[in-house]
């Protein structure tokens, strides 16, 4: 091969090598960013060089939110470490390695792993157990996800605020103090939200003994607070057929029942088509006076007449005539 040919061949090889090197050279982080993300990144760099690590962290975080470039996580970790927030630096560096490993060089990976080893010597590894599972966890106002099993978190030495929230349970806010590096364990129990109590009013015959869930509750009248849900109601009186039924009262609600017992051997509840002066069992009577009451225009007298009479008996008028009836003496003017 002639000398000119060898020279041309060497130039071609050098040019190809230069192009290959240029293609293999990775882009800088600034070159990978554009638009507002690039602007926030450049501002963060200036702030970091000025040792304003807190504001620099905020700007790097802004650039990451705009670009989702995992390489920015290392910048965030560097800012956190400079502020001695080692637990946060560890979390950010671990995400940097997990999310950006495909873009990192061997030197960058080694540098991050060395930093992680150093930073872990300054924090505690806390295991948090939360019952019941499924609570949302926040530590120092930073979301840490849903806790479905014991979870380990890095915490700096000092005081921290733990917040837990789960549907149907009272929110929990508790201070947690880390006194030394190493391992620590904490347990949190969420309390169910107490249901609002229910209220039940039962009116029946004067001699009717009222039982609620198998326990005596009153005679003739029961009015009180009960737990929401289903309850077994029983009413019995001498010479009358007992009444039994399951009633349900919602939380915060009031249920009013007026029940008249039938004679022994008679039907427990009259047929709907039979015109009688008693209400069907378990009928709710909201907003009405309970004694006496009327159905189809008839005023209840049986089983309640004496009680109704004495309750509403007018003051006697001197000299008024009295007539003797089935309900007793009734003054008329």
C-alpha atoms as a PDB file:
ATOM      1  CA  UNK A   1       0.000   0.000   0.000  1.00  0.00           C
ATOM      2  CA  UNK A   2       1.358   3.406  -0.940  1.00  0.00           C
ATOM      3  CA  UNK A   3       2.072   6.020   1.705  1.00  0.00           C
ATOM      4  CA  UNK A   4      -0.832   8.309   0.710  1.00  0.00           C
ATOM      5  CA  UNK A   5      -3.203   5.348   0.965  1.00  0.00           C
ATOM      6  CA  UNK A   6      -1.930   4.502   4.448  1.00  0.00           C
ATOM      7  CA  UNK A   7      -2.399   8.101   5.586  1.00  0.00           C
ATOM      8  CA  UNK A   8      -5.936   8.196   4.262  1.00  0.00           C
ATOM      9  CA  UNK A   9      -6.698   4.923   6.038  1.00  0.00           C
ATOM     10  CA  UNK A  10      -5.388   6.220   9.361  1.00  0.00           C
ATOM     11  CA  UNK A  11      -7.458   9.379   9.067  1.00  0.00           C
ATOM     12  CA  UNK A  12     -10.589   7.346   8.447  1.00  0.00           C
ATOM     13  CA  UNK A  13      -9.901   5.205  11.498  1.00  0.00           C
ATOM     14  CA  UNK A  14      -9.286   8.252  13.716  1.00  0.00           C
ATOM     15  CA  UNK A  15     -12.432   9.941  12.453  1.00  0.00           C
ATOM     16  CA  UNK A  16     -14.508   6.832  13.116  1.00  0.00           C
ATOM     17  CA  UNK A  17     -13.034   6.546  16.607  1.00  0.00           C
ATOM     18  CA  UNK A  18     -13.821  10.171  17.322  1.00  0.00           C
ATOM     19  CA  UNK A  19     -17.430   9.730  16.185  1.00  0.00           C
ATOM     20  CA  UNK A  20     -17.830   6.579  18.262  1.00  0.00           C
ATOM     21  CA  UNK A  21     -16.425   8.347  21.315  1.00  0.00           C
ATOM     22  CA  UNK A  22     -18.762  11.286  20.784  1.00  0.00           C
ATOM     23  CA  UNK A  23     -21.710   8.943  20.495  1.00  0.00           C
ATOM     24  CA  UNK A  24     -20.707   6.939  23.595  1.00  0.00           C
ATOM     25  CA  UNK A  25     -20.177  10.009  25.778  1.00  0.00           C
ATOM     26  CA  UNK A  26     -23.272  10.310  27.999  1.00  0.00           C
ATOM     27  CA  UNK A  27     -25.244  13.527  28.169  1.00  0.00           C
ATOM     28  CA  UNK A  28     -24.976  15.679  31.214  1.00  0.00           C
ATOM     29  CA  UNK A  29     -28.054  16.025  33.400  1.00  0.00           C
ATOM     30  CA  UNK A  30     -28.510  19.587  32.174  1.00  0.00           C
ATOM     31  CA  UNK A  31     -28.476  18.368  28.567  1.00  0.00           C
ATOM     32  CA  UNK A  32     -31.198  15.835  29.303  1.00  0.00           C
ATOM     33  CA  UNK A  33     -33.535  18.493  30.664  1.00  0.00           C
ATOM     34  CA  UNK A  34     -35.431  21.155  28.787  1.00  0.00           C
ATOM     35  CA  UNK A  35     -37.968  23.927  29.304  1.00  0.00           C
ATOM     36  CA  UNK A  36     -39.105  24.763  32.857  1.00  0.00           C
ATOM     37  CA  UNK A  37     -37.373  21.644  34.241  1.00  0.00           C
ATOM     38  CA  UNK A  38     -34.045  22.905  32.871  1.00  0.00           C
ATOM     39  CA  UNK A  39     -34.656  26.368  34.346  1.00  0.00           C
ATOM     40  CA  UNK A  40     -35.384  24.930  37.823  1.00  0.00           C
ATOM     41  CA  UNK A  41     -32.302  22.715  37.563  1.00  0.00           C
ATOM     42  CA  UNK A  42     -30.000  25.646  36.718  1.00  0.00           C
ATOM     43  CA  UNK A  43     -31.432  27.688  39.597  1.00  0.00           C
ATOM     44  CA  UNK A  44     -30.909  24.769  41.965  1.00  0.00           C
ATOM     45  CA  UNK A  45     -27.266  24.456  40.902  1.00  0.00           C
ATOM     46  CA  UNK A  46     -26.616  28.105  41.745  1.00  0.00           C
ATOM     47  CA  UNK A  47     -28.351  27.740  45.111  1.00  0.00           C
ATOM     48  CA  UNK A  48     -26.355  24.597  45.943  1.00  0.00           C
ATOM     49  CA  UNK A  49     -23.076  26.384  45.154  1.00  0.00           C
ATOM     50  CA  UNK A  50     -24.238  29.207  47.445  1.00  0.00           C
ATOM     51  CA  UNK A  51     -24.772  26.624  50.243  1.00  0.00           C
ATOM     52  CA  UNK A  52     -28.536  27.297  50.329  1.00  0.00           C
ATOM     53  CA  UNK A  53     -29.267  23.598  50.449  1.00  0.00           C
ATOM     54  CA  UNK A  54     -32.865  23.859  51.604  1.00  0.00           C
ATOM     55  CA  UNK A  55     -33.953  26.067  48.698  1.00  0.00           C
ATOM     56  CA  UNK A  56     -31.785  24.090  46.288  1.00  0.00           C
ATOM     57  CA  UNK A  57     -33.571  20.907  47.397  1.00  0.00           C
ATOM     58  CA  UNK A  58     -36.928  22.548  46.651  1.00  0.00           C
ATOM     59  CA  UNK A  59     -35.785  23.575  43.161  1.00  0.00           C
ATOM     60  CA  UNK A  60     -34.333  20.145  42.360  1.00  0.00           C
ATOM     61  CA  UNK A  61     -37.601  18.626  43.538  1.00  0.00           C
ATOM     62  CA  UNK A  62     -39.476  20.992  41.230  1.00  0.00           C
ATOM     63  CA  UNK A  63     -37.284  19.926  38.292  1.00  0.00           C
ATOM     64  CA  UNK A  64     -37.886  16.268  39.141  1.00  0.00           C
ATOM     65  CA  UNK A  65     -41.655  16.765  39.288  1.00  0.00           C
ATOM     66  CA  UNK A  66     -41.547  18.354  35.821  1.00  0.00           C
ATOM     67  CA  UNK A  67     -39.221  15.841  34.162  1.00  0.00           C
ATOM     68  CA  UNK A  68     -39.299  12.639  36.272  1.00  0.00           C
ATOM     69  CA  UNK A  69     -35.612  12.257  35.430  1.00  0.00           C
ATOM     70  CA  UNK A  70     -34.252   9.829  38.082  1.00  0.00           C
ATOM     71  CA  UNK A  71     -30.794  11.388  37.968  1.00  0.00           C
ATOM     72  CA  UNK A  72     -32.213  14.375  39.839  1.00  0.00           C
ATOM     73  CA  UNK A  73     -32.796  12.102  42.835  1.00  0.00           C
ATOM     74  CA  UNK A  74     -29.058  12.104  43.503  1.00  0.00           C
ATOM     75  CA  UNK A  75     -29.062  15.899  43.606  1.00  0.00           C
ATOM     76  CA  UNK A  76     -31.937  15.752  46.076  1.00  0.00           C
ATOM     77  CA  UNK A  77     -30.021  13.261  48.225  1.00  0.00           C
ATOM     78  CA  UNK A  78     -26.940  15.488  48.197  1.00  0.00           C
ATOM     79  CA  UNK A  79     -28.988  18.472  49.426  1.00  0.00           C
ATOM     80  CA  UNK A  80     -30.602  16.404  52.184  1.00  0.00           C
ATOM     81  CA  UNK A  81     -27.249  15.069  53.389  1.00  0.00           C
ATOM     82  CA  UNK A  82     -25.801  18.593  53.544  1.00  0.00           C
ATOM     83  CA  UNK A  83     -28.715  19.517  55.848  1.00  0.00           C
ATOM     84  CA  UNK A  84     -27.985  16.439  58.012  1.00  0.00           C
ATOM     85  CA  UNK A  85     -31.314  14.940  57.011  1.00  0.00           C
ATOM     86  CA  UNK A  86     -29.724  11.565  56.483  1.00  0.00           C
ATOM     87  CA  UNK A  87     -32.900   9.494  56.585  1.00  0.00           C
ATOM     88  CA  UNK A  88     -34.331  11.469  53.671  1.00  0.00           C
ATOM     89  CA  UNK A  89     -31.001  11.339  51.832  1.00  0.00           C
ATOM     90  CA  UNK A  90     -31.015   7.538  52.127  1.00  0.00           C
ATOM     91  CA  UNK A  91     -34.552   7.281  50.765  1.00  0.00           C
ATOM     92  CA  UNK A  92     -33.718   9.538  47.815  1.00  0.00           C
ATOM     93  CA  UNK A  93     -30.443   7.754  47.042  1.00  0.00           C
ATOM     94  CA  UNK A  94     -32.112   4.338  47.144  1.00  0.00           C
ATOM     95  CA  UNK A  95     -34.726   5.554  44.668  1.00  0.00           C
ATOM     96  CA  UNK A  96     -31.929   6.991  42.539  1.00  0.00           C
ATOM     97  CA  UNK A  97     -30.298   3.579  42.269  1.00  0.00           C
ATOM     98  CA  UNK A  98     -33.579   1.733  41.767  1.00  0.00           C
ATOM     99  CA  UNK A  99     -35.101   4.050  39.146  1.00  0.00           C
ATOM    100  CA  UNK A 100     -31.995   5.278  37.325  1.00  0.00           C
ATOM    101  CA  UNK A 101     -29.614   2.314  37.329  1.00  0.00           C
ATOM    102  CA  UNK A 102     -30.026   1.790  33.577  1.00  0.00           C
ATOM    103  CA  UNK A 103     -28.710   5.321  32.937  1.00  0.00           C
ATOM    104  CA  UNK A 104     -25.905   5.277  35.509  1.00  0.00           C
ATOM    105  CA  UNK A 105     -22.251   4.491  35.011  1.00  0.00           C
ATOM    106  CA  UNK A 106     -20.433   2.012  37.220  1.00  0.00           C
ATOM    107  CA  UNK A 107     -18.662   4.936  38.910  1.00  0.00           C
ATOM    108  CA  UNK A 108     -21.964   6.692  39.705  1.00  0.00           C
ATOM    109  CA  UNK A 109     -23.423   3.506  41.174  1.00  0.00           C
ATOM    110  CA  UNK A 110     -20.338   2.902  43.322  1.00  0.00           C
ATOM    111  CA  UNK A 111     -20.383   6.498  44.550  1.00  0.00           C
ATOM    112  CA  UNK A 112     -24.062   6.237  45.587  1.00  0.00           C
ATOM    113  CA  UNK A 113     -23.579   2.903  47.376  1.00  0.00           C
ATOM    114  CA  UNK A 114     -20.627   4.287  49.333  1.00  0.00           C
ATOM    115  CA  UNK A 115     -22.656   7.322  50.385  1.00  0.00           C
ATOM    116  CA  UNK A 116     -25.520   5.091  51.504  1.00  0.00           C
ATOM    117  CA  UNK A 117     -23.186   3.094  53.741  1.00  0.00           C
ATOM    118  CA  UNK A 118     -21.941   6.299  55.369  1.00  0.00           C
ATOM    119  CA  UNK A 119     -25.379   7.826  55.858  1.00  0.00           C
ATOM    120  CA  UNK A 120     -26.920   4.691  57.384  1.00  0.00           C
ATOM    121  CA  UNK A 121     -24.507   5.026  60.298  1.00  0.00           C
ATOM    122  CA  UNK A 122     -26.334   8.190  61.385  1.00  0.00           C
ATOM    123  CA  UNK A 123     -29.955   6.982  61.406  1.00  0.00           C
ATOM    124  CA  UNK A 124     -32.245   4.539  63.171  1.00  0.00           C
ATOM    125  CA  UNK A 125     -34.140   1.819  61.367  1.00  0.00           C
ATOM    126  CA  UNK A 126     -37.611   1.905  62.884  1.00  0.00           C
ATOM    127  CA  UNK A 127     -40.150  -0.887  62.408  1.00  0.00           C
ATOM    128  CA  UNK A 128     -43.729   0.385  62.594  1.00  0.00           C
ATOM    129  CA  UNK A 129     -46.639  -1.995  63.233  1.00  0.00           C
ATOM    130  CA  UNK A 130     -50.130  -0.590  62.710  1.00  0.00           C
ATOM    131  CA  UNK A 131     -53.440  -2.288  63.544  1.00  0.00           C
ATOM    132  CA  UNK A 132     -55.703  -2.687  61.745  1.00  0.00           C
ATOM    133  CA  UNK A 133     -53.876  -2.835  58.412  1.00  0.00           C
ATOM    134  CA  UNK A 134     -54.694  -0.526  55.529  1.00  0.00           C
ATOM    135  CA  UNK A 135     -53.887   2.790  57.216  1.00  0.00           C
ATOM    136  CA  UNK A 136     -52.263   5.655  55.322  1.00  0.00           C
ATOM    137  CA  UNK A 137     -48.974   6.691  56.939  1.00  0.00           C
ATOM    138  CA  UNK A 138     -47.372  10.116  57.044  1.00  0.00           C
ATOM    139  CA  UNK A 139     -44.176  10.943  58.894  1.00  0.00           C
ATOM    140  CA  UNK A 140     -43.239  14.577  59.389  1.00  0.00           C
ATOM    141  CA  UNK A 141     -45.976  15.461  56.878  1.00  0.00           C
ATOM    142  CA  UNK A 142     -44.456  13.234  54.185  1.00  0.00           C
ATOM    143  CA  UNK A 143     -46.615  10.476  52.714  1.00  0.00           C
ATOM    144  CA  UNK A 144     -45.184   6.991  53.263  1.00  0.00           C
ATOM    145  CA  UNK A 145     -47.945   4.929  51.640  1.00  0.00           C
ATOM    146  CA  UNK A 146     -50.456   2.434  53.016  1.00  0.00           C
ATOM    147  CA  UNK A 147     -49.339   0.151  55.846  1.00  0.00           C
ATOM    148  CA  UNK A 148     -50.556  -3.407  55.268  1.00  0.00           C
ATOM    149  CA  UNK A 149     -47.756  -5.097  57.220  1.00  0.00           C
ATOM    150  CA  UNK A 150     -44.943  -4.033  59.576  1.00  0.00           C
ATOM    151  CA  UNK A 151     -42.899  -1.440  57.687  1.00  0.00           C
ATOM    152  CA  UNK A 152     -39.289  -0.320  58.215  1.00  0.00           C
ATOM    153  CA  UNK A 153     -38.379   3.339  57.798  1.00  0.00           C
ATOM    154  CA  UNK A 154     -35.209   5.344  58.286  1.00  0.00           C
ATOM    155  CA  UNK A 155     -35.518   8.065  60.904  1.00  0.00           C
ATOM    156  CA  UNK A 156     -33.027  10.664  62.065  1.00  0.00           C
ATOM    157  CA  UNK A 157     -32.306  11.009  65.757  1.00  0.00           C
ATOM    158  CA  UNK A 158     -34.827  13.386  67.291  1.00  0.00           C
ATOM    159  CA  UNK A 159     -38.594  13.957  67.407  1.00  0.00           C
ATOM    160  CA  UNK A 160     -40.957  13.003  64.609  1.00  0.00           C
ATOM    161  CA  UNK A 161     -44.714  13.319  64.022  1.00  0.00           C
ATOM    162  CA  UNK A 162     -46.568  10.200  62.911  1.00  0.00           C
ATOM    163  CA  UNK A 163     -50.019  10.501  61.325  1.00  0.00           C
ATOM    164  CA  UNK A 164     -52.247   7.533  60.495  1.00  0.00           C
ATOM    165  CA  UNK A 165     -55.651   7.555  58.813  1.00  0.00           C
ATOM    166  CA  UNK A 166     -58.037   4.726  57.956  1.00  0.00           C
ATOM    167  CA  UNK A 167     -61.714   4.798  56.989  1.00  0.00           C
ATOM    168  CA  UNK A 168     -64.042   4.043  59.897  1.00  0.00           C
ATOM    169  CA  UNK A 169     -61.343   4.820  62.486  1.00  0.00           C
ATOM    170  CA  UNK A 170     -60.272   7.867  64.428  1.00  0.00           C
ATOM    171  CA  UNK A 171     -57.205   9.597  62.914  1.00  0.00           C
ATOM    172  CA  UNK A 172     -54.065   9.140  64.985  1.00  0.00           C
ATOM    173  CA  UNK A 173     -51.389  11.789  65.468  1.00  0.00           C
ATOM    174  CA  UNK A 174     -48.533  10.849  67.760  1.00  0.00           C
ATOM    175  CA  UNK A 175     -45.049  12.071  68.533  1.00  0.00           C
ATOM    176  CA  UNK A 176     -42.254   9.559  68.083  1.00  0.00           C
ATOM    177  CA  UNK A 177     -38.801  10.146  69.588  1.00  0.00           C
ATOM    178  CA  UNK A 178     -35.623   8.498  68.274  1.00  0.00           C
ATOM    179  CA  UNK A 179     -32.945   8.755  70.953  1.00  0.00           C
ATOM    180  CA  UNK A 180     -30.114   6.855  69.285  1.00  0.00           C
ATOM    181  CA  UNK A 181     -29.091   5.199  66.041  1.00  0.00           C
ATOM    182  CA  UNK A 182     -29.736   1.510  65.517  1.00  0.00           C
ATOM    183  CA  UNK A 183     -32.998  -0.395  65.466  1.00  0.00           C
ATOM    184  CA  UNK A 184     -36.294   0.527  67.116  1.00  0.00           C
ATOM    185  CA  UNK A 185     -39.867  -0.793  67.080  1.00  0.00           C
ATOM    186  CA  UNK A 186     -43.164   1.028  67.533  1.00  0.00           C
ATOM    187  CA  UNK A 187     -46.761  -0.166  67.595  1.00  0.00           C
ATOM    188  CA  UNK A 188     -49.838   1.930  66.810  1.00  0.00           C
ATOM    189  CA  UNK A 189     -53.491   0.919  67.255  1.00  0.00           C
ATOM    190  CA  UNK A 190     -56.299   2.843  65.574  1.00  0.00           C
ATOM    191  CA  UNK A 191     -59.633   3.122  67.390  1.00  0.00           C
ATOM    192  CA  UNK A 192     -62.890   2.511  65.506  1.00  0.00           C
ATOM    193  CA  UNK A 193     -65.153   5.533  65.301  1.00  0.00           C
ATOM    194  CA  UNK A 194     -67.910   5.047  67.865  1.00  0.00           C
ATOM    195  CA  UNK A 195     -71.348   4.913  66.279  1.00  0.00           C
ATOM    196  CA  UNK A 196     -73.879   7.496  67.422  1.00  0.00           C
ATOM    197  CA  UNK A 197     -76.326   5.936  69.913  1.00  0.00           C
ATOM    198  CA  UNK A 198     -79.892   5.126  68.918  1.00  0.00           C
ATOM    199  CA  UNK A 199     -83.034   5.953  70.890  1.00  0.00           C
ATOM    200  CA  UNK A 200     -86.042   3.697  71.438  1.00  0.00           C
ATOM    201  CA  UNK A 201     -89.495   4.514  72.845  1.00  0.00           C
ATOM    202  CA  UNK A 202     -91.935   1.637  73.514  1.00  0.00           C
ATOM    203  CA  UNK A 203     -95.481   2.272  74.761  1.00  0.00           C
ATOM    204  CA  UNK A 204     -97.704  -0.655  75.736  1.00  0.00           C
ATOM    205  CA  UNK A 205    -100.330  -1.823  78.260  1.00  0.00           C
ATOM    206  CA  UNK A 206     -99.865  -0.561  81.792  1.00  0.00           C
ATOM    207  CA  UNK A 207     -99.215  -4.096  83.046  1.00  0.00           C
ATOM    208  CA  UNK A 208     -97.020  -5.001  80.098  1.00  0.00           C
ATOM    209  CA  UNK A 209     -93.499  -6.047  81.107  1.00  0.00           C
ATOM    210  CA  UNK A 210     -90.998  -4.916  78.456  1.00  0.00           C
ATOM    211  CA  UNK A 211     -87.854  -6.975  77.801  1.00  0.00           C
ATOM    212  CA  UNK A 212     -85.087  -5.892  75.460  1.00  0.00           C
ATOM    213  CA  UNK A 213     -82.583  -8.540  74.362  1.00  0.00           C
ATOM    214  CA  UNK A 214     -83.790 -10.803  77.178  1.00  0.00           C
ATOM    215  CA  UNK A 215     -83.366  -8.208  79.931  1.00  0.00           C
ATOM    216  CA  UNK A 216     -86.125  -6.317  81.808  1.00  0.00           C
ATOM    217  CA  UNK A 217     -86.434  -2.786  80.436  1.00  0.00           C
ATOM    218  CA  UNK A 218     -89.589  -1.399  82.025  1.00  0.00           C
ATOM    219  CA  UNK A 219     -93.312  -1.765  82.574  1.00  0.00           C
ATOM    220  CA  UNK A 220     -95.847  -0.024  80.375  1.00  0.00           C
ATOM    221  CA  UNK A 221     -93.240   2.335  78.964  1.00  0.00           C
ATOM    222  CA  UNK A 222     -89.591   2.181  77.947  1.00  0.00           C
ATOM    223  CA  UNK A 223     -87.686   5.210  76.756  1.00  0.00           C
ATOM    224  CA  UNK A 224     -83.920   5.195  76.519  1.00  0.00           C
ATOM    225  CA  UNK A 225     -80.679   5.025  74.558  1.00  0.00           C
ATOM    226  CA  UNK A 226     -79.615   1.737  72.972  1.00  0.00           C
ATOM    227  CA  UNK A 227     -76.803   0.560  70.716  1.00  0.00           C
ATOM    228  CA  UNK A 228     -77.539   0.885  66.988  1.00  0.00           C
ATOM    229  CA  UNK A 229     -78.558  -2.313  65.209  1.00  0.00           C
ATOM    230  CA  UNK A 230     -80.990  -5.175  65.735  1.00  0.00           C
ATOM    231  CA  UNK A 231     -82.600  -5.942  69.113  1.00  0.00           C
ATOM    232  CA  UNK A 232     -85.124  -8.498  70.323  1.00  0.00           C
ATOM    233  CA  UNK A 233     -88.219  -6.944  71.903  1.00  0.00           C
ATOM    234  CA  UNK A 234     -90.678  -8.916  74.075  1.00  0.00           C
ATOM    235  CA  UNK A 235     -93.749  -7.670  75.934  1.00  0.00           C
ATOM    236  CA  UNK A 236     -95.879  -9.819  78.263  1.00  0.00           C
ATOM    237  CA  UNK A 237     -98.813  -9.092  80.577  1.00  0.00           C
ATOM    238  CA  UNK A 238    -101.164 -11.259  82.669  1.00  0.00           C
ATOM    239  CA  UNK A 239    -104.031 -12.650  80.592  1.00  0.00           C
ATOM    240  CA  UNK A 240    -102.550 -11.299  77.338  1.00  0.00           C
ATOM    241  CA  UNK A 241    -100.757 -12.965  74.462  1.00  0.00           C
ATOM    242  CA  UNK A 242     -97.059 -11.995  74.565  1.00  0.00           C
ATOM    243  CA  UNK A 243     -95.589  -9.898  71.792  1.00  0.00           C
ATOM    244  CA  UNK A 244     -92.141 -10.698  70.326  1.00  0.00           C
ATOM    245  CA  UNK A 245     -90.346  -9.140  67.409  1.00  0.00           C
ATOM    246  CA  UNK A 246     -86.902  -8.089  66.175  1.00  0.00           C
ATOM    247  CA  UNK A 247     -86.516  -4.360  65.744  1.00  0.00           C
ATOM    248  CA  UNK A 248     -83.685  -2.410  64.189  1.00  0.00           C
ATOM    249  CA  UNK A 249     -82.681   1.168  64.951  1.00  0.00           C
ATOM    250  CA  UNK A 250     -80.108   3.104  62.938  1.00  0.00           C
ATOM    251  CA  UNK A 251     -77.292   5.062  64.564  1.00  0.00           C
ATOM    252  CA  UNK A 252     -78.474   8.493  65.653  1.00  0.00           C
ATOM    253  CA  UNK A 253     -82.137   7.657  64.936  1.00  0.00           C
ATOM    254  CA  UNK A 254     -85.153   7.511  67.255  1.00  0.00           C
ATOM    255  CA  UNK A 255     -87.726   4.717  66.912  1.00  0.00           C
ATOM    256  CA  UNK A 256     -91.136   5.004  68.575  1.00  0.00           C
ATOM    257  CA  UNK A 257     -93.383   1.943  68.961  1.00  0.00           C
ATOM    258  CA  UNK A 258     -96.917   1.724  70.353  1.00  0.00           C
ATOM    259  CA  UNK A 259     -97.996  -1.863  70.952  1.00  0.00           C
ATOM    260  CA  UNK A 260    -101.283  -3.123  72.404  1.00  0.00           C
ATOM    261  CA  UNK A 261    -101.406  -6.711  73.581  1.00  0.00           C
ATOM    262  CA  UNK A 262    -104.359  -8.905  72.622  1.00  0.00           C
ATOM    263  CA  UNK A 263    -106.275 -11.224  74.925  1.00  0.00           C
ATOM    264  CA  UNK A 264    -104.719 -14.633  75.546  1.00  0.00           C
ATOM    265  CA  UNK A 265    -105.684 -17.064  72.803  1.00  0.00           C
ATOM    266  CA  UNK A 266    -106.316 -14.258  70.308  1.00  0.00           C
ATOM    267  CA  UNK A 267    -104.153 -13.381  67.308  1.00  0.00           C
ATOM    268  CA  UNK A 268    -100.803 -11.793  68.003  1.00  0.00           C
ATOM    269  CA  UNK A 269    -101.469  -9.115  65.433  1.00  0.00           C
ATOM    270  CA  UNK A 270    -104.811  -8.265  63.752  1.00  0.00           C
ATOM    271  CA  UNK A 271    -105.164  -8.784  60.021  1.00  0.00           C
ATOM    272  CA  UNK A 272    -104.636  -5.645  57.978  1.00  0.00           C
ATOM    273  CA  UNK A 273    -108.181  -5.826  56.592  1.00  0.00           C
ATOM    274  CA  UNK A 274    -109.827  -6.033  60.032  1.00  0.00           C
ATOM    275  CA  UNK A 275    -111.034  -2.598  61.227  1.00  0.00           C
ATOM    276  CA  UNK A 276    -109.810  -2.462  64.804  1.00  0.00           C
ATOM    277  CA  UNK A 277    -108.623   0.224  67.130  1.00  0.00           C
ATOM    278  CA  UNK A 278    -105.158  -1.258  67.680  1.00  0.00           C
ATOM    279  CA  UNK A 279    -102.090  -0.597  65.555  1.00  0.00           C
ATOM    280  CA  UNK A 280    -100.145  -3.431  63.882  1.00  0.00           C
ATOM    281  CA  UNK A 281     -97.222  -4.670  66.005  1.00  0.00           C
ATOM    282  CA  UNK A 282     -93.939  -2.794  65.600  1.00  0.00           C
ATOM    283  CA  UNK A 283     -95.631   0.205  64.002  1.00  0.00           C
ATOM    284  CA  UNK A 284     -93.460   3.269  64.246  1.00  0.00           C
ATOM    285  CA  UNK A 285     -95.281   6.338  65.414  1.00  0.00           C
ATOM    286  CA  UNK A 286     -93.030   9.321  64.811  1.00  0.00           C
ATOM    287  CA  UNK A 287     -93.926  12.746  66.073  1.00  0.00           C
ATOM    288  CA  UNK A 288     -97.327  11.715  67.592  1.00  0.00           C
ATOM    289  CA  UNK A 289     -98.470  11.719  71.223  1.00  0.00           C
ATOM    290  CA  UNK A 290     -98.389   8.148  72.423  1.00  0.00           C
ATOM    291  CA  UNK A 291    -101.444   8.014  74.664  1.00  0.00           C
ATOM    292  CA  UNK A 292    -104.213   7.753  73.563  1.00  0.00           C
ATOM    293  CA  UNK A 293    -103.904   7.170  69.822  1.00  0.00           C
ATOM    294  CA  UNK A 294    -106.469   6.520  67.093  1.00  0.00           C
ATOM    295  CA  UNK A 295    -106.619   4.221  64.045  1.00  0.00           C
ATOM    296  CA  UNK A 296    -109.416   4.703  61.503  1.00  0.00           C
ATOM    297  CA  UNK A 297    -110.970   7.347  63.715  1.00  0.00           C
ATOM    298  CA  UNK A 298    -111.495   5.021  66.703  1.00  0.00           C
ATOM    299  CA  UNK A 299    -109.948   5.996  70.029  1.00  0.00           C
ATOM    300  CA  UNK A 300    -108.102   3.242  71.855  1.00  0.00           C
ATOM    301  CA  UNK A 301    -109.832   2.393  75.103  1.00  0.00           C
ATOM    302  CA  UNK A 302    -109.094  -1.263  75.819  1.00  0.00           C
ATOM    303  CA  UNK A 303    -106.011  -1.835  77.915  1.00  0.00           C
ATOM    304  CA  UNK A 304    -105.293   1.872  78.233  1.00  0.00           C
ATOM    305  CA  UNK A 305    -108.496   3.532  79.345  1.00  0.00           C
ATOM    306  CA  UNK A 306    -107.716   3.741  83.018  1.00  0.00           C
ATOM    307  CA  UNK A 307    -104.218   5.041  82.415  1.00  0.00           C
ATOM    308  CA  UNK A 308    -105.449   7.536  79.808  1.00  0.00           C
ATOM    309  CA  UNK A 309    -108.186   8.684  82.120  1.00  0.00           C
ATOM    310  CA  UNK A 310    -105.911   9.450  85.007  1.00  0.00           C
ATOM    311  CA  UNK A 311    -103.390  11.091  82.734  1.00  0.00           C
ATOM    312  CA  UNK A 312    -105.847  13.482  81.174  1.00  0.00           C
ATOM    313  CA  UNK A 313    -108.433  13.753  83.973  1.00  0.00           C
ATOM    314  CA  UNK A 314    -109.561  17.394  84.372  1.00  0.00           C
ATOM    315  CA  UNK A 315    -109.660  19.076  87.712  1.00  0.00           C
ATOM    316  CA  UNK A 316    -113.119  18.512  89.306  1.00  0.00           C
ATOM    317  CA  UNK A 317    -115.499  21.427  89.318  1.00  0.00           C
ATOM    318  CA  UNK A 318    -117.426  21.891  92.553  1.00  0.00           C
ATOM    319  CA  UNK A 319    -121.093  21.105  92.119  1.00  0.00           C
ATOM    320  CA  UNK A 320    -120.686  19.349  88.753  1.00  0.00           C
ATOM    321  CA  UNK A 321    -122.733  16.216  88.157  1.00  0.00           C
ATOM    322  CA  UNK A 322    -120.920  12.888  87.831  1.00  0.00           C
ATOM    323  CA  UNK A 323    -121.834   9.912  85.639  1.00  0.00           C
ATOM    324  CA  UNK A 324    -120.523   6.433  86.326  1.00  0.00           C
ATOM    325  CA  UNK A 325    -119.224   4.636  83.229  1.00  0.00           C
ATOM    326  CA  UNK A 326    -116.865   1.866  82.299  1.00  0.00           C
ATOM    327  CA  UNK A 327    -113.923   4.207  82.593  1.00  0.00           C
ATOM    328  CA  UNK A 328    -114.887   5.446  86.066  1.00  0.00           C
ATOM    329  CA  UNK A 329    -116.444   8.730  87.159  1.00  0.00           C
ATOM    330  CA  UNK A 330    -116.182  11.471  84.556  1.00  0.00           C
ATOM    331  CA  UNK A 331    -117.178  15.018  85.444  1.00  0.00           C
ATOM    332  CA  UNK A 332    -119.214  16.848  82.850  1.00  0.00           C
ATOM    333  CA  UNK A 333    -120.350  20.445  82.819  1.00  0.00           C
END
